[in-house]
Protein backbone atom coordinates (compact mmCIF):
# COMPACT_ATOMS: atom_id res chain seq x y z
CA MET A 1 -3.64 1.59 -72.23
CA TYR A 2 -5.38 4.37 -74.07
CA LEU A 3 -9.15 4.91 -73.98
CA GLU A 4 -10.93 7.20 -76.35
CA PRO A 5 -12.53 10.18 -74.57
CA ASN A 6 -16.08 8.86 -75.14
CA ARG A 7 -15.19 5.43 -73.78
CA LEU A 8 -13.39 6.96 -70.81
CA LEU A 9 -16.47 9.03 -70.05
CA ALA A 10 -18.69 5.94 -70.30
CA VAL A 11 -16.41 4.00 -67.93
CA LEU A 12 -16.43 6.87 -65.42
CA PHE A 13 -20.25 7.08 -65.50
CA ALA A 14 -20.52 3.32 -65.00
CA LEU A 15 -18.15 3.49 -62.01
CA ALA A 16 -20.09 6.39 -60.52
CA PHE A 17 -23.38 4.46 -60.77
CA MET A 18 -21.79 1.36 -59.24
CA VAL A 19 -20.43 3.34 -56.29
CA ALA A 20 -23.76 5.12 -55.80
CA GLY A 21 -25.50 1.77 -55.74
CA CYS A 22 -23.29 0.61 -52.86
CA THR A 23 -24.59 3.12 -50.35
CA GLU A 24 -27.28 2.11 -47.88
CA PRO A 25 -30.73 3.36 -48.75
CA THR A 26 -32.20 6.04 -46.52
CA ASP A 27 -35.03 4.92 -44.27
CA PHE A 28 -37.94 7.29 -44.85
CA THR A 29 -40.14 5.78 -42.15
CA LEU A 30 -42.25 8.39 -40.38
CA PRO A 31 -42.65 8.48 -36.60
CA THR A 32 -45.82 7.37 -34.88
CA SER A 33 -47.81 9.70 -32.63
CA GLU A 34 -46.42 7.86 -29.61
CA GLU A 35 -42.84 8.31 -30.80
CA ILE A 36 -43.35 12.03 -31.32
CA THR A 37 -44.87 12.33 -27.85
CA ARG A 38 -41.87 10.53 -26.33
CA TYR A 39 -39.50 13.06 -27.90
CA TYR A 40 -41.28 16.03 -26.35
CA GLY A 41 -42.53 14.42 -23.15
CA SER A 42 -46.10 13.40 -22.52
CA GLY A 43 -46.54 16.08 -19.85
CA THR A 44 -46.31 18.91 -22.37
CA VAL A 45 -47.91 17.45 -25.49
CA LEU A 46 -51.70 17.45 -25.82
CA GLU A 47 -51.63 15.75 -29.20
CA ALA A 48 -49.01 14.48 -31.63
CA GLU A 49 -49.64 13.19 -35.11
CA VAL A 50 -48.18 12.98 -38.60
CA ARG A 51 -50.01 14.78 -41.39
CA GLY A 52 -48.51 13.94 -44.74
CA ASN A 53 -44.82 14.01 -43.92
CA VAL A 54 -45.05 16.68 -41.19
CA ALA A 55 -44.98 15.96 -37.46
CA VAL A 56 -47.67 18.06 -35.77
CA VAL A 57 -47.29 18.74 -32.06
CA THR A 58 -50.07 20.50 -30.15
CA VAL A 59 -49.33 21.99 -26.74
CA GLN A 60 -51.47 23.93 -24.30
CA GLN A 61 -50.62 27.50 -23.42
CA SER A 62 -52.12 28.81 -20.22
CA ALA A 63 -54.70 31.57 -20.26
CA ALA A 64 -52.80 33.27 -17.43
CA GLN A 65 -49.72 33.45 -19.64
CA ILE A 66 -51.70 35.05 -22.45
CA ARG A 67 -53.40 37.51 -20.06
CA LYS A 68 -50.08 38.48 -18.52
CA GLY A 69 -47.98 38.65 -21.69
CA GLY A 70 -50.58 39.44 -24.33
CA SER A 71 -49.69 39.08 -27.98
CA LEU A 72 -45.98 38.70 -27.20
CA TRP A 73 -46.61 35.48 -25.28
CA ALA A 74 -49.17 34.31 -27.83
CA LYS A 75 -46.54 34.63 -30.56
CA VAL A 76 -43.64 33.05 -28.68
CA GLY A 77 -45.52 29.97 -27.47
CA PRO A 78 -44.85 27.63 -30.39
CA TYR A 79 -41.21 28.71 -30.79
CA ILE A 80 -40.49 27.69 -27.20
CA TYR A 81 -41.31 24.10 -28.18
CA LEU A 82 -40.10 24.18 -31.78
CA PHE A 83 -36.51 25.31 -31.31
CA THR A 84 -35.45 22.47 -29.03
CA GLU A 85 -33.09 19.51 -28.98
CA GLU A 86 -36.21 17.36 -29.24
CA THR A 87 -37.17 18.84 -32.61
CA PHE A 88 -33.59 18.60 -33.85
CA GLU A 89 -33.36 14.93 -32.82
CA LEU A 90 -36.78 14.12 -34.30
CA LEU A 91 -35.69 15.51 -37.67
CA GLN A 92 -32.33 13.69 -37.44
CA ASP A 93 -33.88 10.35 -36.51
CA PHE A 94 -36.65 10.46 -39.14
CA PRO A 95 -35.25 11.61 -42.52
CA GLY A 96 -38.69 11.12 -44.07
CA LEU A 97 -40.12 14.04 -42.10
CA GLY A 98 -40.53 17.14 -44.23
CA GLY A 99 -40.90 19.39 -41.22
CA VAL A 100 -42.32 19.94 -37.76
CA ARG A 101 -45.39 22.02 -36.93
CA VAL A 102 -46.08 23.23 -33.40
CA LYS A 103 -49.53 24.50 -32.51
CA THR A 104 -50.47 26.18 -29.25
CA GLN A 105 -54.00 26.25 -27.95
CA THR A 106 -55.97 27.29 -24.89
CA ALA A 107 -57.43 24.83 -22.39
CA GLY A 108 -60.73 25.29 -24.23
CA GLY A 109 -59.16 24.15 -27.51
CA SER A 110 -58.92 27.54 -29.25
CA GLU A 111 -55.81 27.69 -31.43
CA ILE A 112 -53.47 30.53 -30.48
CA ALA A 113 -50.64 30.07 -32.96
CA SER A 114 -49.24 27.58 -35.44
CA VAL A 115 -45.73 27.50 -36.90
CA ILE A 116 -44.04 25.06 -39.25
CA LEU A 117 -40.32 24.55 -39.66
CA PRO A 118 -39.37 22.89 -42.96
CA ARG A 119 -36.63 20.26 -42.59
CA GLU A 120 -34.11 22.04 -44.81
CA GLU A 121 -34.54 25.49 -43.23
CA LEU A 122 -31.76 25.20 -40.65
CA THR A 123 -28.19 24.04 -41.16
CA GLY A 124 -26.09 22.79 -38.25
CA VAL A 125 -24.86 26.29 -37.42
CA LEU A 126 -28.36 27.77 -37.63
CA TRP A 127 -29.69 24.97 -35.42
CA ARG A 128 -27.12 25.82 -32.75
CA ARG A 129 -28.10 29.48 -33.04
CA SER A 130 -31.79 28.55 -32.75
CA LEU A 131 -31.17 26.48 -29.64
CA ASN A 132 -29.15 29.32 -28.13
CA ILE A 133 -31.80 31.97 -28.78
CA ALA A 134 -34.63 29.74 -27.53
CA GLY A 135 -32.67 28.61 -24.48
CA ARG A 136 -31.94 32.18 -23.45
CA ALA A 137 -35.60 33.13 -23.92
CA ARG A 138 -36.75 30.16 -21.80
CA LEU A 139 -34.20 30.89 -19.09
CA ASN A 140 -34.41 34.69 -18.79
CA GLY A 141 -37.30 35.80 -21.00
CA THR A 142 -39.59 36.86 -18.18
CA GLU A 143 -36.92 39.23 -16.84
CA GLN A 144 -35.61 40.35 -20.23
CA ILE A 145 -38.50 40.72 -22.66
CA THR A 146 -36.04 41.46 -25.48
CA LEU A 147 -35.04 37.78 -25.37
CA ILE A 148 -38.67 36.82 -26.09
CA GLU A 149 -38.76 39.37 -28.91
CA ASP A 150 -35.49 37.96 -30.31
CA LEU A 151 -36.97 34.45 -30.36
CA ILE A 152 -40.12 35.66 -32.11
CA GLU A 153 -38.08 37.53 -34.71
CA TRP A 154 -35.84 34.50 -35.27
CA GLY A 155 -38.86 32.19 -35.50
CA GLU A 156 -40.71 34.38 -37.96
CA GLY A 157 -37.59 34.49 -40.11
CA HIS A 158 -37.30 30.70 -40.30
CA THR A 159 -40.85 29.35 -40.19
CA ASP A 160 -44.21 29.72 -41.83
CA PHE A 161 -46.39 31.07 -39.04
CA ASP A 162 -50.01 31.88 -38.39
CA TYR A 163 -51.30 33.73 -35.33
CA ASN A 164 -54.94 33.80 -34.28
CA PRO A 165 -56.06 37.46 -34.59
CA ARG A 166 -58.04 37.03 -31.39
CA TYR A 167 -54.72 36.84 -29.51
CA VAL A 168 -52.36 38.73 -31.83
CA GLN A 169 -53.13 42.06 -33.46
CA ARG A 170 -52.23 42.21 -37.17
CA ARG A 171 -49.85 44.98 -38.14
């Protein structure tokens, strides 16, 4: 059986559309505040909400930490919570999320830092690297400050970030 090139092309397009129509639709449901809090643990999260299609997680950073570590600790705070299995799983489980924002604030409610990680920023390999860098900083960062610096550098390279000038000097 011979088909003219135009007919063959039309048949191939029709088959492609039929196959594409057979896949299950993606569920773009967004998480609730309670679901976000469950991912991160209620003991660490002050507030969790969805703004637009971004999960926003607010955590408290202690004044003692900021006094002791200065701008370095002010900068690293949100990355400690952002580059976690919890964030990875949240993005995996809710394909409708466009990203995750982590905000740190003092006990008095003053924002220290805010970072946002867009969904498409990290591939599987980069996620593993992120988890490795953040894990090392959490585990040994107080003894090896360079691990904290590495996490900040990594975070600034992969997020949109904003630091409160009260806590972080602008360069």
